[in-house]
Amino acid sequence: MKKKNIWKVLFFALLAINILFFFVIGIFLFLAGEEQPIPESQTDSKQMSEFLIQTNKDDLNELINYYIEKENLNGPIDYSVVLSDVVELNGELNVFTSTLQLKMTFEAKALENGDLLLEQKSLSLGGIRLPVSEVLKIIRSAYKLPEWVIIQPNDKQIYVSLQSMRLNNDIQVRAEKFDLTENEIVMKMLVPVE
C-alpha cells in the first residue's frame, strides 16, 4: 500500500511542476507591454560630413557580438547574433533542469531613412511550439535593450532605429545597403562639423 502512495505523491509532484512551468510561461506572455511606435525620421540641423563605410558580414559579426558582451545585454537567455544570408539569433533558455535551444532568423532591409528592419523568417525553441509574437514579447520583456532597438511582436519584426543611435561626439550612422546574400554592407557615417 505504501508503494501506491509514493507513486501518487510523485505523480502529483510532477503535475505541480508542469502547472508551474506553464504558469511562468503564461506570466511572461501576458506581462509584455504594448507595441512601441517606430520613431519618426529625424533631420538634424547641424552641418554634417558624410563618409561611406563598406564592410562585410564577418567584421560586422565581430562588432555586434563584442557589443553584446561589452554591454552585458544577456538576460535569462544567453544569445549571440550571426550574420549569414539572414540575421540569426541563437541562444539557450534554461527552464528548470532543461536547456532549450532558441534560433530565430530575420531578413534584414535597409530603409530609405537609414534604419534597419529585421523581419522574422523562422523560429525554433527546442520542441516547444510558441507563436513568434509571444517569443518576441518574452525577449522584449526579459532584456534591457538600447532604446533604438524596437521589438514589435505583433508585426513579427525588430526595428533598428539607427537614426536614434548616437555615438561619441554626436556621430550618427545610417544603413545605405544591407545585402547579406551578396555580402554587401554599406553604412553612412555622419560627423558634425559645426
Protein backbone atom coordinates (compact mmCIF):
# COMPACT_ATOMS: atom_id res chain seq x y z
CA MET A 1 0.00 0.00 0.00
CA LYS A 2 2.88 2.39 0.72
CA LYS A 3 4.24 1.83 -2.79
CA LYS A 4 0.96 3.17 -4.28
CA ASN A 5 1.19 6.25 -2.06
CA ILE A 6 4.73 7.02 -3.25
CA TRP A 7 3.64 6.86 -6.90
CA LYS A 8 0.63 9.03 -6.12
CA VAL A 9 2.87 11.65 -4.43
CA LEU A 10 5.36 11.56 -7.31
CA PHE A 11 2.54 11.93 -9.85
CA PHE A 12 1.13 14.99 -8.08
CA ALA A 13 4.61 16.50 -7.70
CA LEU A 14 5.22 16.12 -11.44
CA LEU A 15 1.79 17.58 -12.18
CA ALA A 16 2.56 20.58 -9.94
CA ILE A 17 5.89 21.17 -11.72
CA ASN A 18 4.16 21.10 -15.12
CA ILE A 19 1.47 23.52 -13.96
CA LEU A 20 4.14 25.85 -12.53
CA PHE A 21 6.10 25.74 -15.81
CA PHE A 22 3.06 26.76 -17.89
CA PHE A 23 2.12 29.39 -15.31
CA VAL A 24 5.59 31.01 -15.59
CA ILE A 25 5.43 30.94 -19.41
CA GLY A 26 1.94 32.48 -19.21
CA ILE A 27 3.18 35.30 -16.98
CA PHE A 28 5.95 36.13 -19.48
CA LEU A 29 3.43 36.16 -22.31
CA PHE A 30 0.85 38.37 -20.65
CA LEU A 31 3.14 40.84 -18.87
CA ALA A 32 4.79 42.09 -22.06
CA GLY A 33 3.82 45.70 -22.71
CA GLU A 34 2.24 47.36 -25.70
CA GLU A 35 3.85 47.96 -29.06
CA GLN A 36 6.45 50.72 -29.28
CA PRO A 37 5.91 53.08 -32.18
CA ILE A 38 8.54 53.45 -34.88
CA PRO A 39 10.32 56.79 -34.41
CA GLU A 40 9.72 59.50 -36.97
CA SER A 41 12.53 60.36 -39.36
CA GLN A 42 14.85 62.88 -37.83
CA THR A 43 16.52 65.68 -39.67
CA ASP A 44 19.49 67.19 -37.95
CA SER A 45 20.04 70.90 -38.43
CA LYS A 46 23.77 70.57 -37.78
CA GLN A 47 26.24 70.67 -40.62
CA MET A 48 27.42 67.08 -41.18
CA SER A 49 30.18 65.49 -43.23
CA GLU A 50 29.29 62.13 -44.74
CA PHE A 51 31.59 59.13 -45.04
CA LEU A 52 30.64 55.83 -46.64
CA ILE A 53 31.89 52.73 -44.91
CA GLN A 54 31.81 49.37 -46.66
CA THR A 55 32.16 46.26 -44.55
CA ASN A 56 31.34 42.55 -44.63
CA LYS A 57 29.43 40.04 -42.54
CA ASP A 58 32.50 38.72 -40.70
CA ASP A 59 33.61 42.12 -39.43
CA LEU A 60 30.07 43.15 -38.51
CA ASN A 61 29.52 39.82 -36.68
CA GLU A 62 32.58 40.57 -34.57
CA LEU A 63 31.39 44.09 -33.76
CA ILE A 64 27.81 43.04 -32.87
CA ASN A 65 28.88 40.25 -30.52
CA TYR A 66 31.57 42.44 -28.93
CA TYR A 67 28.84 45.00 -28.19
CA ILE A 68 26.51 42.34 -26.71
CA GLU A 69 29.32 41.11 -24.44
CA LYS A 70 30.57 44.61 -23.51
CA GLU A 71 27.13 45.97 -22.68
CA ASN A 72 26.23 42.72 -20.88
CA LEU A 73 22.91 42.51 -22.72
CA ASN A 74 22.40 38.83 -21.88
CA GLY A 75 19.38 38.23 -19.67
CA PRO A 76 17.73 34.90 -18.90
CA ILE A 77 18.66 33.77 -22.43
CA ASP A 78 22.34 33.59 -23.37
CA TYR A 79 22.45 34.57 -27.01
CA SER A 80 24.58 35.59 -29.95
CA VAL A 81 23.85 37.18 -33.30
CA VAL A 82 25.26 35.73 -36.51
CA LEU A 83 25.01 37.32 -39.93
CA SER A 84 24.82 34.70 -42.67
CA ASP A 85 22.41 35.07 -45.60
CA VAL A 86 19.97 36.14 -42.87
CA VAL A 87 20.32 37.59 -39.37
CA GLU A 88 20.35 34.68 -36.90
CA LEU A 89 19.62 34.98 -33.20
CA ASN A 90 20.94 31.86 -31.43
CA GLY A 91 20.60 31.21 -27.74
CA GLU A 92 19.83 28.91 -24.86
CA LEU A 93 16.95 29.25 -22.43
CA ASN A 94 17.23 27.36 -19.14
CA VAL A 95 13.87 26.05 -17.91
CA PHE A 96 14.05 24.06 -14.67
CA THR A 97 16.60 21.31 -15.42
CA SER A 98 16.34 21.54 -19.20
CA THR A 99 18.10 23.78 -21.68
CA LEU A 100 16.09 24.78 -24.74
CA GLN A 101 17.87 25.85 -27.92
CA LEU A 102 16.49 29.05 -29.45
CA LYS A 103 17.07 30.00 -33.07
CA MET A 104 15.31 32.84 -34.85
CA THR A 105 16.14 34.11 -38.32
CA PHE A 106 15.34 37.52 -39.75
CA GLU A 107 15.58 39.09 -43.18
CA ALA A 108 17.27 42.50 -42.96
CA LYS A 109 16.28 45.51 -45.05
CA ALA A 110 17.89 48.93 -45.17
CA LEU A 111 15.16 51.57 -45.20
CA GLU A 112 15.25 54.92 -47.01
CA ASN A 113 15.68 56.80 -43.73
CA GLY A 114 18.85 54.78 -42.92
CA ASP A 115 17.25 52.49 -40.33
CA LEU A 116 17.16 48.68 -40.48
CA LEU A 117 14.09 46.48 -40.43
CA LEU A 118 14.50 42.84 -39.37
CA GLU A 119 11.51 40.75 -40.45
CA GLN A 120 11.20 37.38 -38.74
CA LYS A 121 11.53 34.35 -41.04
CA SER A 122 11.80 31.25 -38.84
CA LEU A 123 11.75 30.16 -35.21
CA SER A 124 12.69 27.06 -33.29
CA LEU A 125 12.62 26.74 -29.49
CA GLY A 126 13.53 23.20 -28.54
CA GLY A 127 10.42 21.13 -29.20
CA ILE A 128 8.02 23.76 -27.87
CA ARG A 129 5.66 25.49 -30.27
CA LEU A 130 5.01 29.09 -29.34
CA PRO A 131 3.75 31.87 -31.59
CA VAL A 132 6.56 34.11 -32.86
CA SER A 133 4.85 37.17 -31.39
CA GLU A 134 4.91 35.59 -27.92
CA VAL A 135 8.62 34.71 -28.13
CA LEU A 136 9.38 38.30 -29.21
CA LYS A 137 7.35 39.58 -26.23
CA ILE A 138 9.42 37.38 -23.90
CA ILE A 139 12.67 38.69 -25.41
CA ARG A 140 11.44 42.30 -25.20
CA SER A 141 10.47 42.00 -21.54
CA ALA A 142 13.50 39.93 -20.46
CA TYR A 143 16.27 42.17 -21.84
CA LYS A 144 17.37 45.73 -21.32
CA LEU A 145 17.87 46.63 -24.97
CA PRO A 146 19.08 50.01 -26.23
CA GLU A 147 16.17 52.40 -26.82
CA TRP A 148 16.92 52.41 -30.55
CA VAL A 149 16.18 48.66 -30.83
CA ILE A 150 12.39 48.32 -31.01
CA ILE A 151 10.86 44.84 -30.86
CA GLN A 152 7.40 44.76 -32.45
CA PRO A 153 5.90 41.35 -31.61
CA ASN A 154 2.57 41.88 -33.39
CA ASP A 155 4.36 42.67 -36.67
CA LYS A 156 6.95 39.90 -36.07
CA GLN A 157 9.82 42.29 -36.61
CA ILE A 158 12.61 44.23 -34.96
CA TYR A 159 13.12 47.85 -35.94
CA VAL A 160 16.67 49.14 -35.51
CA SER A 161 16.45 52.93 -35.44
CA LEU A 162 20.00 53.84 -36.42
CA GLN A 163 18.93 57.48 -36.71
CA SER A 164 18.23 57.45 -32.93
CA MET A 165 21.58 55.86 -32.07
CA ARG A 166 24.26 58.37 -31.09
CA LEU A 167 27.94 57.57 -30.90
CA ASN A 168 30.65 59.64 -29.27
CA ASN A 169 30.92 63.25 -30.46
CA ASP A 170 27.36 63.10 -31.87
CA ILE A 171 28.43 60.86 -34.76
CA GLN A 172 25.46 59.19 -36.45
CA VAL A 173 25.16 56.06 -38.58
CA ARG A 174 22.73 55.21 -41.38
CA ALA A 175 22.37 51.99 -43.38
CA GLU A 176 22.76 52.58 -47.11
CA LYS A 177 22.82 48.96 -48.27
CA PHE A 178 22.39 45.78 -46.24
CA ASP A 179 22.51 42.82 -48.64
CA LEU A 180 23.64 39.76 -46.69
CA THR A 181 23.35 37.28 -49.57
CA GLU A 182 25.83 39.34 -51.62
CA ASN A 183 27.88 40.26 -48.51
CA GLU A 184 27.49 43.96 -49.31
CA ILE A 185 27.03 46.16 -46.27
CA VAL A 186 27.38 49.90 -46.76
CA MET A 187 26.88 52.35 -43.91
CA LYS A 188 26.94 56.14 -43.94
CA MET A 189 28.72 57.86 -41.04
CA LEU A 190 27.62 61.43 -40.35
CA VAL A 191 30.14 63.54 -38.47
CA PRO A 192 29.16 67.01 -37.18
CA VAL A 193 31.46 69.76 -38.44
CA GLU A 194 29.96 72.70 -36.53
